[in-house]
Amino acid sequence: MRLDITLHAPNETMRLPMHYNRLIQSAIYNNLGLELAEFLHTQGFTYGQRSFKLFTFSRLMGEYRLDKAKNEIIFIKEVKLVVSSPLLQFCTSLLNCLLTSGSIRLGEERAEITGISADVPKVENEEIEIRCLSPVAVYSTFLRPEGGKYTCYFQPGEGEFTRLIESNLRKKYEVFYQRTAPVGELKVKTLGRHRLNLIMYKETPIKGYSCRLKLTGHPELLQMGVDAGLGSKGSQGFGCIEMVKRA
């Protein structure tokens, strides 16, 4: 399920840090039922050593200007936020809490909620075109010969980008449905140019890519991508996508 949330900036402007993902993540957790928020925050759905929160969210979308001197972004009037998850309990809990409160706090700002709509996008074919509402982060962690670890991020067009997206979707599918993911190869084709986004999260730089993609594979696997996001770090605001309707 996808929630489209419209926020009205106080005093017609809303000033946030340039890298605001953590503020949105905190606002989401603060607007869930206590037990659900605690479960997702501390545990999530485990797959071996991995934990999946099974939700993602978009960038804030709307008119803005940058204050580079203060490293801030200033949104003007209304902005839109998309939150998506295959978990019905998550979506209904978030929806009810937001409707009850009527506003949402993002750091030092409190914005009025002027609209919420819910939709259930359905994947009906083995091929879809998507655009990124937040950057897709795909990476592997390696050990250095001299000790320690380093992270290697992959970009659209690289073989590891496709392989890791498929592996990630299969794990999300299996922890959610508690059954083996459908067989069949997932293909990822970049449509047009992609753009690198470097986002700071808790003082850690994360690389993600914004682009349009054509995904080919089993519809149930594609559906998990639409609902839970592509790639890693969905609950930190990466990999939120939407299907593009063909003319």
Protein backbone atom coordinates (compact mmCIF):
# COMPACT_ATOMS: atom_id res chain seq x y z
CA MET A 1 0.00 0.00 0.00
CA ARG A 2 1.10 3.53 -0.76
CA LEU A 3 0.22 6.64 1.24
CA ASP A 4 0.45 10.05 -0.42
CA ILE A 5 0.74 12.66 2.32
CA THR A 6 0.42 16.39 1.65
CA LEU A 7 2.03 18.72 4.17
CA HIS A 8 1.51 22.46 4.46
CA ALA A 9 4.55 24.34 5.65
CA PRO A 10 4.06 26.59 8.70
CA ASN A 11 4.22 30.27 7.80
CA GLU A 12 4.39 29.17 4.13
CA THR A 13 7.97 27.87 4.50
CA MET A 14 9.56 24.84 6.15
CA ARG A 15 13.29 24.95 6.86
CA LEU A 16 15.03 21.58 7.21
CA PRO A 17 18.61 20.30 7.16
CA MET A 18 19.80 19.52 3.65
CA HIS A 19 19.94 15.85 4.62
CA TYR A 20 16.60 15.27 6.30
CA ASN A 21 16.01 11.51 5.86
CA ARG A 22 16.46 10.75 9.54
CA LEU A 23 13.81 13.35 10.46
CA ILE A 24 11.23 11.69 8.24
CA GLN A 25 12.16 8.24 9.52
CA SER A 26 11.74 9.42 13.12
CA ALA A 27 8.39 11.03 12.29
CA ILE A 28 7.15 7.74 10.81
CA TYR A 29 8.17 5.73 13.87
CA ASN A 30 6.58 8.33 16.14
CA ASN A 31 3.29 7.98 14.29
CA LEU A 32 2.94 4.22 14.56
CA GLY A 33 1.36 2.15 17.30
CA LEU A 34 3.88 1.62 20.11
CA GLU A 35 4.25 -2.16 19.72
CA LEU A 36 4.65 -1.98 15.95
CA ALA A 37 7.12 0.89 16.15
CA GLU A 38 9.17 -0.98 18.76
CA PHE A 39 9.18 -4.17 16.70
CA LEU A 40 10.27 -2.49 13.49
CA HIS A 41 12.83 -0.23 15.14
CA THR A 42 14.57 -2.85 17.29
CA GLN A 43 14.01 -6.09 15.39
CA GLY A 44 12.19 -6.05 12.06
CA PHE A 45 11.83 -9.13 9.89
CA THR A 46 15.00 -11.19 10.10
CA TYR A 47 16.66 -13.15 7.31
CA GLY A 48 19.85 -14.73 8.64
CA GLN A 49 21.96 -11.82 9.86
CA ARG A 50 19.86 -9.28 7.95
CA SER A 51 16.87 -7.33 9.22
CA PHE A 52 14.19 -5.82 6.98
CA LYS A 53 11.77 -3.10 8.08
CA LEU A 54 9.70 -3.51 4.88
CA PHE A 55 8.81 0.13 4.37
CA THR A 56 10.28 2.98 2.38
CA PHE A 57 9.60 6.65 1.75
CA SER A 58 10.25 9.27 -0.89
CA ARG A 59 12.05 12.56 -0.91
CA LEU A 60 9.96 15.57 0.04
CA MET A 61 8.55 16.80 -3.25
CA GLY A 62 7.61 20.42 -3.83
CA GLU A 63 8.95 23.88 -4.49
CA TYR A 64 12.11 24.70 -2.56
CA ARG A 65 15.22 26.80 -2.39
CA LEU A 66 18.63 26.08 -0.87
CA ASP A 67 20.44 27.99 1.86
CA LYS A 68 23.95 26.70 1.25
CA ALA A 69 25.46 28.91 3.94
CA LYS A 70 23.39 27.10 6.59
CA ASN A 71 23.30 23.76 4.73
CA GLU A 72 19.50 23.86 4.76
CA ILE A 73 16.67 23.34 2.32
CA ILE A 74 13.61 25.59 2.51
CA PHE A 75 10.34 24.14 1.24
CA ILE A 76 7.67 26.60 0.18
CA LYS A 77 3.97 26.13 0.89
CA GLU A 78 2.98 22.49 0.25
CA VAL A 79 5.15 19.41 -0.04
CA LYS A 80 4.31 15.80 -0.77
CA LEU A 81 5.65 12.69 0.93
CA VAL A 82 5.08 9.10 -0.25
CA VAL A 83 5.33 6.20 2.22
CA SER A 84 5.01 2.63 0.96
CA SER A 85 4.93 -0.85 2.50
CA PRO A 86 3.49 -4.31 1.84
CA LEU A 87 2.51 -4.40 5.54
CA LEU A 88 -1.17 -3.49 5.84
CA GLN A 89 -0.80 -3.08 9.62
CA PHE A 90 2.00 -0.56 9.10
CA CYS A 91 0.02 1.51 6.61
CA THR A 92 -3.23 1.53 8.58
CA SER A 93 -1.43 2.38 11.83
CA LEU A 94 0.44 5.26 10.20
CA LEU A 95 -2.71 6.49 8.46
CA ASN A 96 -4.79 6.46 11.64
CA CYS A 97 -2.13 8.20 13.72
CA LEU A 98 -1.63 10.93 11.13
CA LEU A 99 -5.36 11.52 10.74
CA THR A 100 -5.71 11.75 14.51
CA SER A 101 -2.83 14.16 15.04
CA GLY A 102 -3.44 16.30 11.96
CA SER A 103 0.20 17.37 11.85
CA ILE A 104 3.69 15.94 11.73
CA ARG A 105 6.92 17.08 13.35
CA LEU A 106 10.11 17.13 11.31
CA GLY A 107 12.92 18.24 13.58
CA GLU A 108 12.10 21.76 14.76
CA GLU A 109 9.24 22.17 12.28
CA ARG A 110 5.65 21.03 12.61
CA ALA A 111 3.71 20.83 9.37
CA GLU A 112 -0.05 20.57 8.98
CA ILE A 113 -1.35 17.49 7.18
CA THR A 114 -3.72 18.82 4.53
CA GLY A 115 -4.35 15.58 2.68
CA ILE A 116 -3.75 11.82 2.76
CA SER A 117 -4.70 9.35 0.05
CA ALA A 118 -4.14 5.59 0.00
CA ASP A 119 -3.55 3.51 -3.09
CA VAL A 120 -2.71 -0.12 -3.80
CA PRO A 121 -0.63 -0.19 -7.00
CA LYS A 122 -0.87 -3.59 -8.69
CA VAL A 123 1.77 -5.20 -10.88
CA GLU A 124 -0.09 -7.18 -13.52
CA ASN A 125 2.65 -7.96 -16.04
CA GLU A 126 6.19 -9.33 -16.12
CA GLU A 127 7.56 -5.97 -17.22
CA ILE A 128 7.14 -2.54 -15.64
CA GLU A 129 8.76 0.85 -15.98
CA ILE A 130 9.48 2.74 -12.80
CA ARG A 131 10.90 6.05 -11.66
CA CYS A 132 12.69 6.65 -8.40
CA LEU A 133 10.98 8.80 -5.78
CA SER A 134 14.10 8.43 -3.64
CA PRO A 135 17.57 7.20 -4.66
CA VAL A 136 18.25 3.46 -4.93
CA ALA A 137 21.19 2.33 -2.77
CA VAL A 138 22.90 -0.94 -3.76
CA TYR A 139 26.15 -1.99 -2.09
CA SER A 140 28.34 -4.75 -0.73
CA THR A 141 30.67 -4.66 2.27
CA PHE A 142 34.16 -6.13 1.91
CA LEU A 143 37.06 -6.83 4.27
CA ARG A 144 40.31 -4.94 3.73
CA PRO A 145 43.50 -7.07 3.55
CA GLU A 146 45.01 -4.91 6.30
CA GLY A 147 41.87 -5.21 8.44
CA GLY A 148 38.60 -3.30 8.71
CA LYS A 149 35.72 -3.04 6.26
CA TYR A 150 34.78 -0.85 3.34
CA THR A 151 31.56 -0.36 1.38
CA CYS A 152 31.35 -0.51 -2.40
CA TYR A 153 28.27 1.05 -4.01
CA PHE A 154 27.07 -0.05 -7.44
CA GLN A 155 25.34 2.00 -10.10
CA PRO A 156 22.66 1.18 -12.68
CA GLY A 157 24.10 -0.70 -15.62
CA GLU A 158 26.56 -2.73 -13.55
CA GLY A 159 25.97 -6.45 -13.19
CA GLU A 160 26.22 -6.33 -9.39
CA PHE A 161 23.52 -3.64 -9.30
CA THR A 162 21.03 -6.03 -10.91
CA ARG A 163 22.19 -9.09 -8.99
CA LEU A 164 21.95 -7.40 -5.60
CA ILE A 165 18.54 -5.87 -6.36
CA GLU A 166 17.22 -9.32 -7.23
CA SER A 167 18.79 -10.93 -4.14
CA ASN A 168 17.38 -8.18 -1.92
CA LEU A 169 13.86 -8.55 -3.37
CA ARG A 170 13.91 -12.31 -2.89
CA LYS A 171 14.86 -11.93 0.76
CA LYS A 172 12.13 -9.34 1.35
CA TYR A 173 9.61 -11.63 -0.33
CA GLU A 174 10.62 -14.64 1.76
CA VAL A 175 10.59 -12.86 5.13
CA PHE A 176 7.22 -11.31 4.33
CA TYR A 177 5.41 -14.33 2.89
CA GLN A 178 7.40 -17.02 4.70
CA ARG A 179 7.79 -19.04 1.51
CA THR A 180 10.33 -19.40 -1.27
CA ALA A 181 10.41 -16.55 -3.75
CA PRO A 182 9.16 -17.31 -7.28
CA VAL A 183 11.74 -18.63 -9.72
CA GLY A 184 12.90 -16.71 -12.75
CA GLU A 185 15.54 -14.12 -13.51
CA LEU A 186 15.08 -10.44 -12.73
CA LYS A 187 16.33 -8.06 -15.39
CA VAL A 188 17.02 -4.37 -14.79
CA LYS A 189 17.52 -1.94 -17.67
CA THR A 190 18.34 1.74 -17.21
CA LEU A 191 16.17 4.12 -19.22
CA GLY A 192 18.03 7.33 -19.94
CA ARG A 193 20.70 8.76 -17.66
CA HIS A 194 21.05 8.11 -13.95
CA ARG A 195 22.04 10.66 -11.31
CA LEU A 196 24.22 10.06 -8.25
CA ASN A 197 22.84 11.32 -4.93
CA LEU A 198 25.11 11.49 -1.88
CA ILE A 199 23.03 11.60 1.30
CA MET A 200 24.29 11.88 4.86
CA TYR A 201 22.53 9.69 7.40
CA LYS A 202 23.77 9.90 11.01
CA GLU A 203 27.04 11.36 9.66
CA THR A 204 27.46 8.38 7.32
CA PRO A 205 27.53 9.10 3.58
CA ILE A 206 25.25 6.87 1.50
CA LYS A 207 25.35 6.76 -2.29
CA GLY A 208 22.11 6.25 -4.19
CA TYR A 209 21.04 6.65 -7.79
CA SER A 210 17.93 8.31 -9.20
CA CYS A 211 16.74 7.18 -12.62
CA ARG A 212 14.08 5.41 -14.61
CA LEU A 213 14.31 1.65 -14.91
CA LYS A 214 12.62 -1.15 -16.78
CA LEU A 215 12.19 -4.20 -14.57
CA THR A 216 11.43 -7.63 -16.03
CA GLY A 217 10.63 -10.63 -13.86
CA HIS A 218 7.94 -12.46 -11.94
CA PRO A 219 5.06 -10.08 -11.11
CA GLU A 220 5.09 -11.06 -7.42
CA LEU A 221 8.76 -10.12 -7.15
CA LEU A 222 8.17 -6.84 -8.98
CA GLN A 223 5.25 -6.15 -6.64
CA MET A 224 7.55 -6.44 -3.65
CA GLY A 225 9.81 -3.84 -5.23
CA VAL A 226 6.90 -1.46 -5.76
CA ASP A 227 5.66 -1.96 -2.19
CA ALA A 228 8.86 -2.29 -0.13
CA GLY A 229 11.32 -0.46 -2.37
CA LEU A 230 14.36 -1.41 -4.43
CA GLY A 231 17.77 -2.03 -2.94
CA SER A 232 18.91 -1.49 0.62
CA LYS A 233 18.14 1.04 3.36
CA GLY A 234 14.47 1.46 2.49
CA SER A 235 13.50 2.53 6.00
CA GLN A 236 16.15 5.27 5.78
CA GLY A 237 14.47 6.76 2.73
CA PHE A 238 16.02 4.90 -0.20
CA GLY A 239 14.54 2.92 -3.08
CA CYS A 240 10.99 4.30 -3.07
CA ILE A 241 9.64 3.87 -6.60
CA GLU A 242 6.45 4.27 -8.59
CA MET A 243 5.28 2.67 -11.79
CA VAL A 244 5.26 4.85 -14.87
CA LYS A 245 2.17 4.56 -17.03
CA ARG A 246 2.95 4.11 -20.68
CA ALA A 247 1.27 6.43 -23.16
